Amino acid sequence: MSLAVVLVGLAMIVASVVSCNRRDSNSPTMAATTQLSHLPTEVLSNIASRLLSKADVIAFSRTCGAVLAARLATCSTLTLYLDRVEVKRFVKLPAVAVLRTRTAPLKLIFRQRDNMDSTFVPGLLRDVLNELGACTAVRAMQLEGVRGMQLQLWPGLADSMVACFPNLQGFRIQGLGLRLDQAVSVLTKPAFSSQLTHVDISTAQVLPASPTQVAAFVQASLSLHYLHVSSLDQLQVSLRDAPCSWRTLHVDNMESTTVSKLPY
C-alpha cells in the first residue's frame, strides 16, 4: 500500500473531523465522512491503526464508523477496558456487528483500569459477553488486571465464554490474583474443556492452595495441549499414568518431587 494513498485517506478524515466539529449534524459537510466508506478496507484499517492509539475509540467512531468497522474487520488483537461506561458504549456501536461476522482469528483482551476495584471485573465481563453475542472469530481471550487484586471467577463464566466464543482455544489471566479451585471450576466444564487447548496463568498471582486443590487443577488441565504456570508445588498424588494431552508444559518453578508425579 502506497504512503500516498494512506495520506490521502488521512487527509479526508482530518477534513471530515474538522468540518463535523464546526457544523451541526444536519450540515451537508457531514456527507464527507460517508465518502470514507468507499476507500479500500486495507486503507481504512491502516489509517485507524495509526489513529486509535492516540484517540479514544468511542469518540473517534462517532466521527467515522467506516474506519472503526474496517479496523475491527482486520485487526489481530482488540483490547477493551473493563469500564462500565466504555463497555456499554462500545457494544452498542453499529460497527461492532463486524465482530460477529468476521472469520479471521482474533485475540480479545479485557483490561482492568488501574483505579478500578477488581470486584467489579466479573460483572463488567459478564455484561460485555452478554452484549457481544456469538463471535466465532475470537480464538484467544486474555484478562489483564492490577497486581494485588483478586479475581473472582463466577460459576457461569465458562458457559458464557463458550456461548460467546464458540471457537475459543486460548485463555490467559495476567496480573490478577487467582484461586486454583475457581480455575478448576472453569476448566472442568465439559463444553469448555472440549475446545480449550491453551491456558496461561504464569503471570497471575496464584493464591496459596492445598495439595487437594493442586491435584484437582493438574487433573483438570490434562486435556490441554499447552499449560503455563508459575509454580506447581504440593502435588502429593501421582498422576504419572493418567491420560494426558500436554504437548507443552511450562512451569517456572517446580520441586523435583513434583516432576516424578506428573504424566509423561
C-alpha atoms as a PDB file:
ATOM      1  CA  MET A   1       0.000   0.000   0.000  1.00  0.00           C
ATOM      2  CA  SER A   2       1.491   3.349  -1.007  1.00  0.00           C
ATOM      3  CA  LEU A   3       2.075   6.050   1.556  1.00  0.00           C
ATOM      4  CA  ALA A   4       0.330   8.468  -0.761  1.00  0.00           C
ATOM      5  CA  VAL A   5      -2.911   6.508  -0.570  1.00  0.00           C
ATOM      6  CA  VAL A   6      -2.712   6.410   3.227  1.00  0.00           C
ATOM      7  CA  LEU A   7      -2.036  10.120   3.413  1.00  0.00           C
ATOM      8  CA  VAL A   8      -4.949  10.881   1.091  1.00  0.00           C
ATOM      9  CA  GLY A   9      -7.254   8.850   3.332  1.00  0.00           C
ATOM     10  CA  LEU A  10      -5.821  10.520   6.431  1.00  0.00           C
ATOM     11  CA  ALA A  11      -6.403  13.936   4.905  1.00  0.00           C
ATOM     12  CA  MET A  12     -10.019  13.002   4.204  1.00  0.00           C
ATOM     13  CA  ILE A  13     -10.508  12.021   7.834  1.00  0.00           C
ATOM     14  CA  VAL A  14      -8.957  15.216   9.147  1.00  0.00           C
ATOM     15  CA  ALA A  15     -11.085  17.313   6.795  1.00  0.00           C
ATOM     16  CA  SER A  16     -14.210  15.417   7.820  1.00  0.00           C
ATOM     17  CA  VAL A  17     -13.474  15.705  11.528  1.00  0.00           C
ATOM     18  CA  VAL A  18     -12.821  19.433  11.263  1.00  0.00           C
ATOM     19  CA  SER A  19     -15.938  20.087   9.231  1.00  0.00           C
ATOM     20  CA  CYS A  20     -18.074  17.952  11.540  1.00  0.00           C
ATOM     21  CA  ASN A  21     -16.749  19.727  14.603  1.00  0.00           C
ATOM     22  CA  ARG A  22     -17.523  23.139  13.105  1.00  0.00           C
ATOM     23  CA  ARG A  23     -21.031  22.416  11.888  1.00  0.00           C
ATOM     24  CA  ASP A  24     -24.090  20.704  13.242  1.00  0.00           C
ATOM     25  CA  SER A  25     -25.131  17.158  12.336  1.00  0.00           C
ATOM     26  CA  ASN A  26     -27.568  18.407   9.669  1.00  0.00           C
ATOM     27  CA  SER A  27     -24.849  20.172   7.701  1.00  0.00           C
ATOM     28  CA  PRO A  28     -24.133  18.959   4.150  1.00  0.00           C
ATOM     29  CA  THR A  29     -20.481  18.637   5.073  1.00  0.00           C
ATOM     30  CA  MET A  30     -21.371  15.554   7.125  1.00  0.00           C
ATOM     31  CA  ALA A  31     -21.512  13.750   3.787  1.00  0.00           C
ATOM     32  CA  ALA A  32     -17.728  13.985   3.619  1.00  0.00           C
ATOM     33  CA  THR A  33     -17.490  11.377   6.361  1.00  0.00           C
ATOM     34  CA  THR A  34     -19.588   8.865   4.455  1.00  0.00           C
ATOM     35  CA  GLN A  35     -17.197   9.142   1.499  1.00  0.00           C
ATOM     36  CA  LEU A  36     -14.651   7.218   3.561  1.00  0.00           C
ATOM     37  CA  SER A  37     -16.729   4.063   3.185  1.00  0.00           C
ATOM     38  CA  HIS A  38     -15.666   3.949  -0.472  1.00  0.00           C
ATOM     39  CA  LEU A  39     -11.988   3.594   0.437  1.00  0.00           C
ATOM     40  CA  PRO A  40     -10.487   0.080   0.401  1.00  0.00           C
ATOM     41  CA  THR A  41     -10.723  -1.753   3.723  1.00  0.00           C
ATOM     42  CA  GLU A  42      -6.929  -2.022   3.888  1.00  0.00           C
ATOM     43  CA  VAL A  43      -6.598   1.766   3.661  1.00  0.00           C
ATOM     44  CA  LEU A  44      -9.208   2.377   6.338  1.00  0.00           C
ATOM     45  CA  SER A  45      -7.587  -0.179   8.631  1.00  0.00           C
ATOM     46  CA  ASN A  46      -4.162   1.337   8.097  1.00  0.00           C
ATOM     47  CA  ILE A  47      -5.464   4.790   8.949  1.00  0.00           C
ATOM     48  CA  ALA A  48      -7.262   3.522  12.019  1.00  0.00           C
ATOM     49  CA  SER A  49      -4.192   1.673  13.279  1.00  0.00           C
ATOM     50  CA  ARG A  50      -2.321   4.980  13.256  1.00  0.00           C
ATOM     51  CA  LEU A  51      -5.067   6.967  14.970  1.00  0.00           C
ATOM     52  CA  LEU A  52      -6.661   4.664  17.519  1.00  0.00           C
ATOM     53  CA  SER A  53      -3.526   4.549  19.633  1.00  0.00           C
ATOM     54  CA  LYS A  54      -3.841   8.305  20.152  1.00  0.00           C
ATOM     55  CA  ALA A  55      -7.590   8.809  20.225  1.00  0.00           C
ATOM     56  CA  ASP A  56     -10.428   7.290  22.159  1.00  0.00           C
ATOM     57  CA  VAL A  57     -12.035   4.600  20.032  1.00  0.00           C
ATOM     58  CA  ILE A  58     -15.540   5.562  21.125  1.00  0.00           C
ATOM     59  CA  ALA A  59     -15.191   9.249  20.302  1.00  0.00           C
ATOM     60  CA  PHE A  60     -13.441   8.553  17.043  1.00  0.00           C
ATOM     61  CA  SER A  61     -16.089   6.090  15.877  1.00  0.00           C
ATOM     62  CA  ARG A  62     -18.757   8.765  16.262  1.00  0.00           C
ATOM     63  CA  THR A  63     -16.919  10.696  13.564  1.00  0.00           C
ATOM     64  CA  CYS A  64     -16.239   7.800  11.207  1.00  0.00           C
ATOM     65  CA  GLY A  65     -17.868   4.433  11.785  1.00  0.00           C
ATOM     66  CA  ALA A  66     -16.425   3.185   8.485  1.00  0.00           C
ATOM     67  CA  VAL A  67     -12.863   3.412   9.811  1.00  0.00           C
ATOM     68  CA  LEU A  68     -13.735   1.602  13.027  1.00  0.00           C
ATOM     69  CA  ALA A  69     -15.599  -1.118  11.130  1.00  0.00           C
ATOM     70  CA  ALA A  70     -12.602  -1.634   8.860  1.00  0.00           C
ATOM     71  CA  ARG A  71     -10.282  -1.831  11.843  1.00  0.00           C
ATOM     72  CA  LEU A  72     -12.480  -4.359  13.629  1.00  0.00           C
ATOM     73  CA  ALA A  73     -12.617  -6.451  10.460  1.00  0.00           C
ATOM     74  CA  THR A  74      -8.849  -6.700  10.088  1.00  0.00           C
ATOM     75  CA  CYS A  75      -7.103  -6.219  13.451  1.00  0.00           C
ATOM     76  CA  SER A  76      -5.491  -9.296  15.000  1.00  0.00           C
ATOM     77  CA  THR A  77      -5.872  -8.057  18.602  1.00  0.00           C
ATOM     78  CA  LEU A  78      -8.613  -5.979  20.215  1.00  0.00           C
ATOM     79  CA  THR A  79      -8.312  -4.522  23.726  1.00  0.00           C
ATOM     80  CA  LEU A  80     -11.364  -3.438  25.716  1.00  0.00           C
ATOM     81  CA  TYR A  81     -11.107  -1.658  29.049  1.00  0.00           C
ATOM     82  CA  LEU A  82     -13.485  -3.021  31.662  1.00  0.00           C
ATOM     83  CA  ASP A  83     -15.096   0.312  32.316  1.00  0.00           C
ATOM     84  CA  ARG A  84     -18.891   0.250  32.606  1.00  0.00           C
ATOM     85  CA  VAL A  85     -19.486   3.383  30.523  1.00  0.00           C
ATOM     86  CA  GLU A  86     -17.000   2.448  27.826  1.00  0.00           C
ATOM     87  CA  VAL A  87     -18.245  -1.130  27.594  1.00  0.00           C
ATOM     88  CA  LYS A  88     -21.862  -0.060  27.155  1.00  0.00           C
ATOM     89  CA  ARG A  89     -20.946   2.492  24.515  1.00  0.00           C
ATOM     90  CA  PHE A  90     -18.728   0.096  22.614  1.00  0.00           C
ATOM     91  CA  VAL A  91     -21.137  -2.842  22.347  1.00  0.00           C
ATOM     92  CA  LYS A  92     -23.881  -0.538  21.047  1.00  0.00           C
ATOM     93  CA  LEU A  93     -21.788   0.843  18.194  1.00  0.00           C
ATOM     94  CA  PRO A  94     -23.085  -0.305  14.770  1.00  0.00           C
ATOM     95  CA  ALA A  95     -19.527  -1.150  13.731  1.00  0.00           C
ATOM     96  CA  VAL A  96     -19.286  -3.815  16.451  1.00  0.00           C
ATOM     97  CA  ALA A  97     -21.564  -6.004  14.348  1.00  0.00           C
ATOM     98  CA  VAL A  98     -18.443  -6.639  12.258  1.00  0.00           C
ATOM     99  CA  LEU A  99     -17.048  -8.717  15.129  1.00  0.00           C
ATOM    100  CA  ARG A 100     -19.984 -11.090  14.862  1.00  0.00           C
ATOM    101  CA  THR A 101     -19.475 -11.695  11.138  1.00  0.00           C
ATOM    102  CA  ARG A 102     -15.694 -11.706  10.688  1.00  0.00           C
ATOM    103  CA  THR A 103     -13.905 -15.037  10.287  1.00  0.00           C
ATOM    104  CA  ALA A 104     -10.244 -14.019  10.626  1.00  0.00           C
ATOM    105  CA  PRO A 105      -8.822 -15.156  14.022  1.00  0.00           C
ATOM    106  CA  LEU A 106      -8.982 -12.507  16.741  1.00  0.00           C
ATOM    107  CA  LYS A 107      -7.364 -12.166  20.164  1.00  0.00           C
ATOM    108  CA  LEU A 108      -9.610 -10.312  22.611  1.00  0.00           C
ATOM    109  CA  ILE A 109      -8.066  -8.631  25.662  1.00  0.00           C
ATOM    110  CA  PHE A 110     -10.146  -7.378  28.583  1.00  0.00           C
ATOM    111  CA  ARG A 111      -8.082  -4.938  30.661  1.00  0.00           C
ATOM    112  CA  GLN A 112      -8.853  -3.656  34.138  1.00  0.00           C
ATOM    113  CA  ARG A 113      -8.179   0.012  34.781  1.00  0.00           C
ATOM    114  CA  ASP A 114      -5.615   0.810  37.468  1.00  0.00           C
ATOM    115  CA  ASN A 115      -8.081   2.648  39.693  1.00  0.00           C
ATOM    116  CA  MET A 116     -10.887   0.072  39.462  1.00  0.00           C
ATOM    117  CA  ASP A 117     -11.765  -2.378  42.212  1.00  0.00           C
ATOM    118  CA  SER A 118     -11.377  -5.953  40.906  1.00  0.00           C
ATOM    119  CA  THR A 119     -14.710  -6.893  42.497  1.00  0.00           C
ATOM    120  CA  PHE A 120     -16.372  -5.121  39.585  1.00  0.00           C
ATOM    121  CA  VAL A 121     -14.481  -7.147  36.955  1.00  0.00           C
ATOM    122  CA  PRO A 122     -16.791 -10.209  36.918  1.00  0.00           C
ATOM    123  CA  GLY A 123     -19.934  -8.100  36.493  1.00  0.00           C
ATOM    124  CA  LEU A 124     -18.453  -5.988  33.702  1.00  0.00           C
ATOM    125  CA  LEU A 125     -17.065  -9.045  31.941  1.00  0.00           C
ATOM    126  CA  ARG A 126     -20.416 -10.800  32.187  1.00  0.00           C
ATOM    127  CA  ASP A 127     -22.170  -7.716  30.765  1.00  0.00           C
ATOM    128  CA  VAL A 128     -19.861  -7.400  27.770  1.00  0.00           C
ATOM    129  CA  LEU A 129     -20.074 -11.118  26.968  1.00  0.00           C
ATOM    130  CA  ASN A 130     -23.864 -10.956  27.057  1.00  0.00           C
ATOM    131  CA  GLU A 131     -23.914  -7.871  24.840  1.00  0.00           C
ATOM    132  CA  LEU A 132     -21.388  -9.073  22.279  1.00  0.00           C
ATOM    133  CA  GLY A 133     -23.206 -12.281  21.457  1.00  0.00           C
ATOM    134  CA  ALA A 134     -21.554 -15.032  19.433  1.00  0.00           C
ATOM    135  CA  CYS A 135     -18.188 -14.014  17.956  1.00  0.00           C
ATOM    136  CA  THR A 136     -16.761 -17.019  16.131  1.00  0.00           C
ATOM    137  CA  ALA A 137     -13.579 -15.140  15.205  1.00  0.00           C
ATOM    138  CA  VAL A 138     -12.291 -14.976  18.787  1.00  0.00           C
ATOM    139  CA  ARG A 139      -9.677 -17.681  19.248  1.00  0.00           C
ATOM    140  CA  ALA A 140      -7.929 -16.312  22.340  1.00  0.00           C
ATOM    141  CA  MET A 141      -9.121 -14.349  25.365  1.00  0.00           C
ATOM    142  CA  GLN A 142      -6.982 -12.582  27.924  1.00  0.00           C
ATOM    143  CA  LEU A 143      -7.846 -10.970  31.247  1.00  0.00           C
ATOM    144  CA  GLU A 144      -5.389  -8.311  32.407  1.00  0.00           C
ATOM    145  CA  GLY A 145      -5.605  -6.788  35.842  1.00  0.00           C
ATOM    146  CA  VAL A 146      -3.742  -4.925  38.535  1.00  0.00           C
ATOM    147  CA  ARG A 147      -1.332  -6.977  40.604  1.00  0.00           C
ATOM    148  CA  GLY A 148      -2.574  -7.459  44.131  1.00  0.00           C
ATOM    149  CA  MET A 149      -6.215  -7.516  43.059  1.00  0.00           C
ATOM    150  CA  GLN A 150      -8.006 -10.845  43.372  1.00  0.00           C
ATOM    151  CA  LEU A 151     -10.150 -12.071  40.505  1.00  0.00           C
ATOM    152  CA  GLN A 152     -13.462 -13.677  41.379  1.00  0.00           C
ATOM    153  CA  LEU A 153     -14.469 -16.117  38.628  1.00  0.00           C
ATOM    154  CA  TRP A 154     -18.200 -16.699  38.750  1.00  0.00           C
ATOM    155  CA  PRO A 155     -19.527 -20.262  38.189  1.00  0.00           C
ATOM    156  CA  GLY A 156     -21.168 -19.392  34.872  1.00  0.00           C
ATOM    157  CA  LEU A 157     -18.015 -17.877  33.293  1.00  0.00           C
ATOM    158  CA  ALA A 158     -17.184 -20.991  31.273  1.00  0.00           C
ATOM    159  CA  ASP A 159     -20.727 -21.248  29.905  1.00  0.00           C
ATOM    160  CA  SER A 160     -20.744 -17.553  28.962  1.00  0.00           C
ATOM    161  CA  MET A 161     -17.372 -17.827  27.241  1.00  0.00           C
ATOM    162  CA  VAL A 162     -18.415 -20.896  25.245  1.00  0.00           C
ATOM    163  CA  ALA A 163     -21.675 -19.246  24.163  1.00  0.00           C
ATOM    164  CA  CYS A 164     -19.916 -16.028  23.151  1.00  0.00           C
ATOM    165  CA  PHE A 165     -16.719 -17.527  21.707  1.00  0.00           C
ATOM    166  CA  PRO A 166     -17.546 -20.987  20.303  1.00  0.00           C
ATOM    167  CA  ASN A 167     -14.100 -21.271  18.680  1.00  0.00           C
ATOM    168  CA  LEU A 168     -12.083 -20.133  21.714  1.00  0.00           C
ATOM    169  CA  GLN A 169      -8.841 -22.077  22.107  1.00  0.00           C
ATOM    170  CA  GLY A 170      -6.647 -19.990  24.400  1.00  0.00           C
ATOM    171  CA  PHE A 171      -7.262 -18.364  27.782  1.00  0.00           C
ATOM    172  CA  ARG A 172      -4.786 -16.252  29.747  1.00  0.00           C
ATOM    173  CA  ILE A 173      -5.002 -14.413  33.072  1.00  0.00           C
ATOM    174  CA  GLN A 174      -2.381 -11.744  33.726  1.00  0.00           C
ATOM    175  CA  GLY A 175      -1.702  -9.842  36.932  1.00  0.00           C
ATOM    176  CA  LEU A 176      -4.864 -10.653  38.864  1.00  0.00           C
ATOM    177  CA  GLY A 177      -4.900 -12.928  41.894  1.00  0.00           C
ATOM    178  CA  LEU A 178      -6.416 -16.334  41.159  1.00  0.00           C
ATOM    179  CA  ARG A 179      -7.704 -19.172  43.308  1.00  0.00           C
ATOM    180  CA  LEU A 180      -6.955 -22.619  41.883  1.00  0.00           C
ATOM    181  CA  ASP A 181     -10.321 -24.027  42.906  1.00  0.00           C
ATOM    182  CA  GLN A 182     -12.026 -21.355  40.784  1.00  0.00           C
ATOM    183  CA  ALA A 183      -9.751 -22.175  37.859  1.00  0.00           C
ATOM    184  CA  VAL A 184     -10.744 -25.833  38.223  1.00  0.00           C
ATOM    185  CA  SER A 185     -14.439 -24.918  38.134  1.00  0.00           C
ATOM    186  CA  VAL A 186     -13.837 -23.303  34.730  1.00  0.00           C
ATOM    187  CA  LEU A 187     -11.560 -25.973  33.257  1.00  0.00           C
ATOM    188  CA  THR A 188     -13.834 -28.845  34.190  1.00  0.00           C
ATOM    189  CA  LYS A 189     -16.874 -27.525  32.320  1.00  0.00           C
ATOM    190  CA  PRO A 190     -17.358 -30.136  29.554  1.00  0.00           C
ATOM    191  CA  ALA A 191     -18.269 -27.645  26.827  1.00  0.00           C
ATOM    192  CA  PHE A 192     -15.273 -25.519  27.739  1.00  0.00           C
ATOM    193  CA  SER A 193     -12.652 -28.211  28.275  1.00  0.00           C
ATOM    194  CA  SER A 194     -13.506 -29.909  24.977  1.00  0.00           C
ATOM    195  CA  GLN A 195     -12.415 -26.872  22.924  1.00  0.00           C
ATOM    196  CA  LEU A 196      -9.811 -25.121  25.086  1.00  0.00           C
ATOM    197  CA  THR A 197      -6.224 -26.110  24.236  1.00  0.00           C
ATOM    198  CA  HIS A 198      -4.024 -23.346  25.709  1.00  0.00           C
ATOM    199  CA  VAL A 199      -4.091 -21.904  29.256  1.00  0.00           C
ATOM    200  CA  ASP A 200      -1.540 -19.445  30.631  1.00  0.00           C
ATOM    201  CA  ILE A 201      -1.745 -18.275  34.239  1.00  0.00           C
ATOM    202  CA  SER A 202       2.013 -17.820  34.649  1.00  0.00           C
ATOM    203  CA  THR A 203       1.715 -14.091  35.337  1.00  0.00           C
ATOM    204  CA  ALA A 204      -1.366 -14.410  37.533  1.00  0.00           C
ATOM    205  CA  GLN A 205      -0.864 -14.273  41.273  1.00  0.00           C
ATOM    206  CA  VAL A 206      -1.958 -17.785  42.174  1.00  0.00           C
ATOM    207  CA  LEU A 207      -3.055 -17.774  45.802  1.00  0.00           C
ATOM    208  CA  PRO A 208      -1.780 -20.440  48.204  1.00  0.00           C
ATOM    209  CA  ALA A 209      -3.570 -23.734  47.601  1.00  0.00           C
ATOM    210  CA  SER A 210      -3.898 -27.033  49.408  1.00  0.00           C
ATOM    211  CA  PRO A 211      -2.450 -30.285  47.957  1.00  0.00           C
ATOM    212  CA  THR A 212      -6.006 -31.354  47.090  1.00  0.00           C
ATOM    213  CA  GLN A 213      -6.603 -28.168  45.087  1.00  0.00           C
ATOM    214  CA  VAL A 214      -3.263 -28.528  43.268  1.00  0.00           C
ATOM    215  CA  ALA A 215      -4.088 -32.123  42.311  1.00  0.00           C
ATOM    216  CA  ALA A 216      -7.551 -31.124  41.106  1.00  0.00           C
ATOM    217  CA  PHE A 217      -6.057 -28.326  38.980  1.00  0.00           C
ATOM    218  CA  VAL A 218      -3.472 -30.607  37.369  1.00  0.00           C
ATOM    219  CA  GLN A 219      -6.113 -33.243  36.619  1.00  0.00           C
ATOM    220  CA  ALA A 220      -8.422 -30.636  35.108  1.00  0.00           C
ATOM    221  CA  SER A 221      -5.621 -29.368  32.847  1.00  0.00           C
ATOM    222  CA  LEU A 222      -4.614 -32.755  31.411  1.00  0.00           C
ATOM    223  CA  SER A 223      -6.867 -32.246  28.378  1.00  0.00           C
ATOM    224  CA  LEU A 224      -4.941 -29.112  27.363  1.00  0.00           C
ATOM    225  CA  HIS A 225      -2.202 -29.017  24.743  1.00  0.00           C
ATOM    226  CA  TYR A 226      -0.369 -26.122  26.396  1.00  0.00           C
ATOM    227  CA  LEU A 227      -0.176 -25.104  30.058  1.00  0.00           C
ATOM    228  CA  HIS A 228       1.999 -22.366  31.527  1.00  0.00           C
ATOM    229  CA  VAL A 229       2.056 -21.807  35.290  1.00  0.00           C
ATOM    230  CA  SER A 230       4.495 -20.013  37.563  1.00  0.00           C
ATOM    231  CA  SER A 231       4.782 -22.884  40.037  1.00  0.00           C
ATOM    232  CA  LEU A 232       3.428 -26.349  40.645  1.00  0.00           C
ATOM    233  CA  ASP A 233       4.179 -27.444  44.194  1.00  0.00           C
ATOM    234  CA  GLN A 234       2.463 -29.581  46.809  1.00  0.00           C
ATOM    235  CA  LEU A 235       1.341 -32.229  44.330  1.00  0.00           C
ATOM    236  CA  GLN A 236       1.106 -35.268  46.586  1.00  0.00           C
ATOM    237  CA  VAL A 237      -0.886 -37.547  44.292  1.00  0.00           C
ATOM    238  CA  SER A 238       0.906 -39.359  41.473  1.00  0.00           C
ATOM    239  CA  LEU A 239      -0.641 -38.710  38.056  1.00  0.00           C
ATOM    240  CA  ARG A 240       2.165 -40.378  36.158  1.00  0.00           C
ATOM    241  CA  ASP A 241      -0.098 -42.881  34.390  1.00  0.00           C
ATOM    242  CA  ALA A 242      -3.043 -40.542  33.825  1.00  0.00           C
ATOM    243  CA  PRO A 243      -4.147 -39.898  30.208  1.00  0.00           C
ATOM    244  CA  CYS A 244      -2.618 -36.600  29.149  1.00  0.00           C
ATOM    245  CA  SER A 245      -2.818 -34.347  26.077  1.00  0.00           C
ATOM    246  CA  TRP A 246       0.006 -31.996  27.041  1.00  0.00           C
ATOM    247  CA  ARG A 247       2.334 -31.054  24.214  1.00  0.00           C
ATOM    248  CA  THR A 248       3.966 -28.277  26.213  1.00  0.00           C
ATOM    249  CA  LEU A 249       4.079 -27.900  29.988  1.00  0.00           C
ATOM    250  CA  HIS A 250       5.898 -24.748  31.065  1.00  0.00           C
ATOM    251  CA  VAL A 251       6.477 -24.374  34.815  1.00  0.00           C
ATOM    252  CA  ASP A 252       8.702 -21.554  36.015  1.00  0.00           C
ATOM    253  CA  ASN A 253       9.386 -23.098  39.446  1.00  0.00           C
ATOM    254  CA  MET A 254       8.784 -26.708  40.431  1.00  0.00           C
ATOM    255  CA  GLU A 255      10.079 -29.065  43.104  1.00  0.00           C
ATOM    256  CA  SER A 256      11.913 -32.180  41.936  1.00  0.00           C
ATOM    257  CA  THR A 257       9.461 -34.368  43.842  1.00  0.00           C
ATOM    258  CA  THR A 258       6.613 -32.951  41.785  1.00  0.00           C
ATOM    259  CA  VAL A 259       8.273 -33.846  38.485  1.00  0.00           C
ATOM    260  CA  SER A 260       8.128 -37.554  39.236  1.00  0.00           C
ATOM    261  CA  LYS A 261       4.373 -37.364  39.848  1.00  0.00           C
ATOM    262  CA  LEU A 262       3.488 -35.752  36.517  1.00  0.00           C
ATOM    263  CA  PRO A 263       2.416 -37.770  33.458  1.00  0.00           C
ATOM    264  CA  TYR A 264       4.875 -38.130  30.607  1.00  0.00           C
END
